[in-house]
Amino acid sequence: MSTIVIRAARAADLDTITQIYADAVTRGTASYELEPPGRAEMGTRFDTLQAGGFPYLVAEKDGAVLGYAYAGPFRPRPAYRFVVEDSVYVAPDAKGQGVGLKLMQSLIAAAEAAGFCQIVAVIGDGHPDSASVKLHEKLGFRHSGRLEGSGYKHGRWLDTVFMQLALNGGASAPPDPESLPERKFRQESNGLDEPKTEANRSNCAAVSGLDQLQLAVEDAEHTAKLLPALEDTAARGDDGEGALFACQFRVLDDLEQRHLAGPAEH
């Protein structure tokens, strides 16, 4: 019997990703976009997230992409650098198979391994019976706020729900100075950013499997910190692929204006 595999998204997946998101925009209320973006725009969003080092995953079964999830910057200001916002979408005919749960489990593991301290869900039309709200509750997210009547779509007002999950000790511990966001912040502060070249983009490609993952980590000390978490993920039956991206963490000031695709669209 074939199983669902979670792996890093590739450019070749974007046609299906675009179709999945288009259905969510057209029929649903989780996204506050009113017109579905085309393949080119979805490709630009994908490239931006990859260039920033953020995890972007797909669920695959028998060669077909059933859903996707990614974590992106919550806000562009540097003090927010340890917080990411999740987005997860499942194809209509794949719902009810646990695809969203598997994607989110791997996404949480990826964000934690990279050293982020909070993962936030901004859920459009976040009523108590919302599938997204229930999914995040199942994963341990707590409710942290609601914006009433903040979206208007399909002829009705929608509430936006905020939920969050602490990672790596959350607010009870200082961030890891060797975490991906902090190392990138130091490099940017010191003017050590490398130009975006095709070679750099290639180096930012997601790696899969624990052996490949170890090669992607910048130093042995960081490897020692990451592998136990990923092995624990594998022991639980979750897929660890895409749990770390070796490319540098880049927060671009224009991301907030781009309205990245996800349940946090607003």
Protein backbone atom coordinates (compact mmCIF):
# COMPACT_ATOMS: atom_id res chain seq x y z
CA MET A 1 0.00 0.00 0.00
CA SER A 2 1.43 3.37 -0.99
CA THR A 3 2.06 5.98 1.67
CA ILE A 4 2.07 9.75 1.78
CA VAL A 5 5.57 11.17 1.57
CA ILE A 6 6.49 14.66 2.76
CA ARG A 7 9.36 16.25 0.85
CA ALA A 8 10.79 19.61 -0.07
CA ALA A 9 8.83 21.36 -2.81
CA ARG A 10 10.40 21.77 -6.22
CA ALA A 11 9.72 24.13 -9.10
CA ALA A 12 8.19 21.19 -10.97
CA ASP A 13 5.44 21.06 -8.33
CA LEU A 14 4.25 24.60 -8.96
CA ASP A 15 1.59 23.78 -11.55
CA THR A 16 -0.21 21.57 -9.05
CA ILE A 17 0.42 23.99 -6.17
CA THR A 18 -1.10 26.78 -8.25
CA GLN A 19 -4.20 24.67 -8.92
CA ILE A 20 -4.61 23.74 -5.25
CA TYR A 21 -4.37 27.35 -4.15
CA ALA A 22 -6.66 28.55 -6.94
CA ASP A 23 -9.39 26.24 -5.67
CA ALA A 24 -8.91 27.55 -2.11
CA VAL A 25 -9.13 31.16 -3.27
CA THR A 26 -12.13 30.61 -5.53
CA ARG A 27 -14.22 28.36 -3.30
CA GLY A 28 -12.94 28.94 0.22
CA THR A 29 -12.50 31.65 2.81
CA ALA A 30 -9.19 30.66 4.41
CA SER A 31 -7.38 32.97 1.98
CA TYR A 32 -8.46 36.59 1.69
CA GLU A 33 -7.27 36.85 -1.90
CA LEU A 34 -10.23 37.29 -4.23
CA GLU A 35 -8.60 36.31 -7.52
CA PRO A 36 -6.27 33.29 -7.70
CA PRO A 37 -2.72 34.18 -8.73
CA GLY A 38 -1.28 32.57 -11.83
CA ARG A 39 1.64 30.20 -12.19
CA ALA A 40 4.17 33.01 -12.67
CA GLU A 41 3.15 34.80 -9.48
CA MET A 42 3.15 31.57 -7.49
CA GLY A 43 6.63 30.89 -8.85
CA THR A 44 7.82 34.30 -7.67
CA ARG A 45 6.45 33.66 -4.19
CA PHE A 46 8.10 30.23 -4.12
CA ASP A 47 11.46 31.66 -5.21
CA THR A 48 11.27 34.40 -2.56
CA LEU A 49 10.66 31.90 0.23
CA GLN A 50 13.41 29.59 -0.98
CA ALA A 51 15.87 32.46 -1.26
CA GLY A 52 15.04 33.35 2.34
CA GLY A 53 15.71 29.85 3.60
CA PHE A 54 12.13 29.11 4.64
CA PRO A 55 10.78 25.54 4.54
CA TYR A 56 8.35 24.79 1.71
CA LEU A 57 7.00 21.24 1.63
CA VAL A 58 4.66 19.09 -0.42
CA ALA A 59 2.78 15.88 0.35
CA GLU A 60 3.10 13.31 -2.41
CA LYS A 61 1.46 9.95 -3.00
CA ASP A 62 2.05 7.76 -6.05
CA GLY A 63 3.76 10.68 -7.77
CA ALA A 64 0.86 13.09 -7.25
CA VAL A 65 1.09 16.22 -5.09
CA LEU A 66 -1.79 16.19 -2.60
CA GLY A 67 -1.04 19.39 -0.70
CA TYR A 68 1.63 21.84 0.33
CA ALA A 69 2.75 23.87 3.33
CA TYR A 70 5.35 26.51 4.01
CA ALA A 71 6.56 28.85 6.73
CA GLY A 72 7.30 32.46 5.90
CA PRO A 73 8.15 35.64 7.79
CA PHE A 74 5.42 36.80 10.14
CA ARG A 75 6.43 40.44 9.68
CA PRO A 76 9.43 42.02 7.92
CA ARG A 77 10.80 44.03 10.88
CA PRO A 78 13.97 42.42 12.27
CA ALA A 79 12.70 42.03 15.84
CA TYR A 80 10.18 39.53 14.41
CA ARG A 81 12.94 37.38 12.90
CA PHE A 82 12.35 34.43 15.27
CA VAL A 83 8.66 34.16 14.33
CA VAL A 84 7.30 32.41 11.25
CA GLU A 85 3.78 32.15 9.89
CA ASP A 86 2.50 28.85 8.52
CA SER A 87 0.37 28.17 5.47
CA VAL A 88 -1.09 24.79 4.53
CA TYR A 89 -3.41 23.78 1.68
CA VAL A 90 -4.72 20.37 0.62
CA ALA A 91 -6.20 19.39 -2.73
CA PRO A 92 -10.01 18.97 -2.59
CA ASP A 93 -9.93 15.25 -3.41
CA ALA A 94 -7.20 14.58 -0.82
CA LYS A 95 -8.96 16.02 2.20
CA GLY A 96 -9.76 13.67 5.06
CA GLN A 97 -6.60 11.57 4.56
CA GLY A 98 -4.43 13.26 7.17
CA VAL A 99 -2.43 15.17 4.56
CA GLY A 100 -2.63 18.50 6.38
CA LEU A 101 -1.55 16.92 9.66
CA LYS A 102 1.49 15.25 8.10
CA LEU A 103 2.49 18.46 6.34
CA MET A 104 2.18 20.53 9.49
CA GLN A 105 4.10 18.02 11.63
CA SER A 106 7.02 18.19 9.23
CA LEU A 107 6.76 21.96 8.89
CA ILE A 108 6.87 22.42 12.67
CA ALA A 109 9.91 20.15 12.87
CA ALA A 110 11.60 22.19 10.12
CA ALA A 111 10.92 25.52 11.82
CA GLU A 112 12.11 24.21 15.16
CA ALA A 113 15.28 22.71 13.69
CA ALA A 114 16.11 26.04 12.06
CA GLY A 115 15.89 27.79 15.44
CA PHE A 116 12.67 29.75 15.18
CA CYS A 117 10.90 30.41 18.50
CA GLN A 118 7.24 30.88 17.52
CA ILE A 119 5.09 29.64 14.67
CA VAL A 120 1.91 31.63 14.08
CA ALA A 121 -1.26 30.75 12.19
CA VAL A 122 -3.43 33.61 10.92
CA ILE A 123 -6.61 31.82 9.91
CA GLY A 124 -9.22 33.44 7.72
CA ASP A 125 -12.84 32.65 8.62
CA GLY A 126 -11.57 31.09 11.83
CA HIS A 127 -14.80 29.87 13.38
CA PRO A 128 -14.66 27.04 15.97
CA ASP A 129 -15.63 24.37 13.42
CA SER A 130 -13.01 25.49 10.90
CA ALA A 131 -10.86 22.59 9.70
CA SER A 132 -7.77 24.77 9.99
CA VAL A 133 -8.58 25.81 13.56
CA LYS A 134 -9.15 22.18 14.57
CA LEU A 135 -5.92 21.09 12.87
CA HIS A 136 -3.87 23.70 14.70
CA GLU A 137 -5.53 22.87 18.01
CA LYS A 138 -4.63 19.21 17.47
CA LEU A 139 -1.01 20.23 16.94
CA GLY A 140 -0.89 22.14 20.22
CA PHE A 141 -1.41 25.69 18.96
CA ARG A 142 -3.15 27.99 21.42
CA HIS A 143 -5.59 30.75 20.56
CA SER A 144 -3.99 34.18 20.89
CA GLY A 145 -6.49 36.60 19.35
CA ARG A 146 -9.37 37.32 17.00
CA LEU A 147 -10.09 40.18 14.60
CA GLU A 148 -13.85 40.35 14.18
CA GLY A 149 -15.28 41.20 10.79
CA SER A 150 -11.83 41.75 9.34
CA GLY A 151 -12.44 40.13 5.96
CA TYR A 152 -15.32 40.33 3.49
CA LYS A 153 -15.61 37.53 0.95
CA HIS A 154 -18.41 35.55 -0.73
CA GLY A 155 -20.94 38.06 0.56
CA ARG A 156 -20.21 37.84 4.27
CA TRP A 157 -17.93 39.20 6.96
CA LEU A 158 -15.18 36.91 8.22
CA ASP A 159 -13.32 36.79 11.52
CA THR A 160 -9.57 36.26 11.50
CA VAL A 161 -8.15 34.02 14.21
CA PHE A 162 -4.59 34.10 15.51
CA MET A 163 -3.04 30.93 16.95
CA GLN A 164 0.55 30.24 17.94
CA LEU A 165 2.89 27.47 19.01
CA ALA A 166 6.10 28.04 20.96
CA LEU A 167 9.27 26.39 19.63
CA ASN A 168 12.67 25.96 21.25
CA GLY A 169 11.41 27.23 24.60
CA GLY A 170 9.47 30.12 23.09
CA ALA A 171 9.52 33.25 25.22
CA SER A 172 10.91 31.39 28.25
CA ALA A 173 14.44 31.19 26.83
CA PRO A 174 16.70 33.45 24.79
CA PRO A 175 17.03 32.57 21.10
CA ASP A 176 19.88 30.35 19.98
CA PRO A 177 22.72 32.58 18.73
CA GLU A 178 23.52 29.90 16.16
CA SER A 179 19.96 29.65 14.84
CA LEU A 180 19.33 30.29 11.17
CA PRO A 181 17.54 33.65 11.68
CA GLU A 182 20.15 34.95 14.11
CA ARG A 183 23.13 33.98 11.96
CA LYS A 184 21.49 35.64 8.98
CA PHE A 185 20.75 38.76 11.03
CA ARG A 186 24.40 39.01 12.11
CA GLN A 187 25.56 38.63 8.55
CA GLU A 188 23.20 41.34 7.35
CA SER A 189 24.19 43.64 10.22
CA ASN A 190 27.85 43.17 9.37
CA GLY A 191 27.28 43.74 5.67
CA LEU A 192 28.26 40.19 4.79
CA ASP A 193 25.31 39.35 2.58
CA GLU A 194 26.23 37.50 -0.57
CA PRO A 195 24.69 38.60 -3.89
CA LYS A 196 21.86 36.49 -5.24
CA THR A 197 23.44 34.41 -7.98
CA GLU A 198 22.27 31.25 -9.64
CA ALA A 199 24.95 29.40 -7.70
CA ASN A 200 23.62 30.78 -4.44
CA ARG A 201 20.08 29.82 -5.41
CA SER A 202 21.24 26.29 -6.14
CA ASN A 203 22.89 26.12 -2.74
CA CYS A 204 19.57 27.12 -1.18
CA ALA A 205 17.82 24.02 -2.51
CA ALA A 206 16.13 21.90 0.13
CA VAL A 207 17.83 18.62 1.01
CA SER A 208 16.09 15.42 1.93
CA GLY A 209 16.98 12.60 4.29
CA LEU A 210 19.14 12.73 7.39
CA ASP A 211 22.38 12.00 5.55
CA GLN A 212 21.87 14.82 3.05
CA LEU A 213 20.64 17.09 5.79
CA GLN A 214 23.88 16.65 7.72
CA LEU A 215 25.86 17.85 4.70
CA ALA A 216 23.71 20.98 4.51
CA VAL A 217 24.43 22.15 8.05
CA GLU A 218 27.15 24.76 8.26
CA ASP A 219 29.11 23.30 11.18
CA ALA A 220 29.36 20.13 13.23
CA GLU A 221 28.06 21.76 16.41
CA HIS A 222 24.82 22.80 14.72
CA THR A 223 24.49 19.32 13.19
CA ALA A 224 24.61 17.80 16.66
CA LYS A 225 21.75 20.05 17.73
CA LEU A 226 19.55 19.31 14.72
CA LEU A 227 19.82 15.58 14.11
CA PRO A 228 18.23 14.39 17.37
CA ALA A 229 15.12 16.46 16.66
CA LEU A 230 14.84 15.07 13.15
CA GLU A 231 15.47 11.50 14.28
CA ASP A 232 12.70 11.97 16.85
CA THR A 233 10.42 13.16 14.06
CA ALA A 234 11.25 10.08 12.02
CA ALA A 235 10.64 7.84 15.06
CA ARG A 236 7.15 9.32 15.42
CA GLY A 237 6.45 8.38 11.81
CA ASP A 238 6.58 11.95 10.55
CA ASP A 239 8.56 12.72 7.46
CA GLY A 240 11.67 14.76 8.25
CA GLU A 241 12.37 15.87 4.73
CA GLY A 242 12.63 19.58 4.27
CA ALA A 243 13.39 20.06 7.96
CA LEU A 244 16.31 22.30 7.31
CA PHE A 245 17.29 24.55 4.47
CA ALA A 246 20.98 25.41 4.22
CA CYS A 247 20.46 28.71 2.50
CA GLN A 248 20.62 31.89 4.52
CA PHE A 249 17.57 33.45 6.19
CA ARG A 250 16.47 36.54 4.28
CA VAL A 251 13.61 38.82 5.38
CA LEU A 252 12.65 41.20 2.59
CA ASP A 253 10.78 44.37 3.43
CA ASP A 254 8.38 43.88 0.53
CA LEU A 255 7.07 40.49 1.68
CA GLU A 256 4.28 42.09 3.69
CA GLN A 257 3.00 43.79 0.56
CA ARG A 258 3.19 40.62 -1.57
CA HIS A 259 0.41 38.84 0.39
CA LEU A 260 2.07 35.44 0.29
CA ALA A 261 -0.39 32.64 -0.39
CA GLY A 262 -1.60 30.97 2.78
CA PRO A 263 -4.27 30.77 5.43
CA ALA A 264 -2.86 34.01 6.78
CA GLU A 265 -3.79 36.04 3.71
CA HIS A 266 -5.20 39.38 4.82
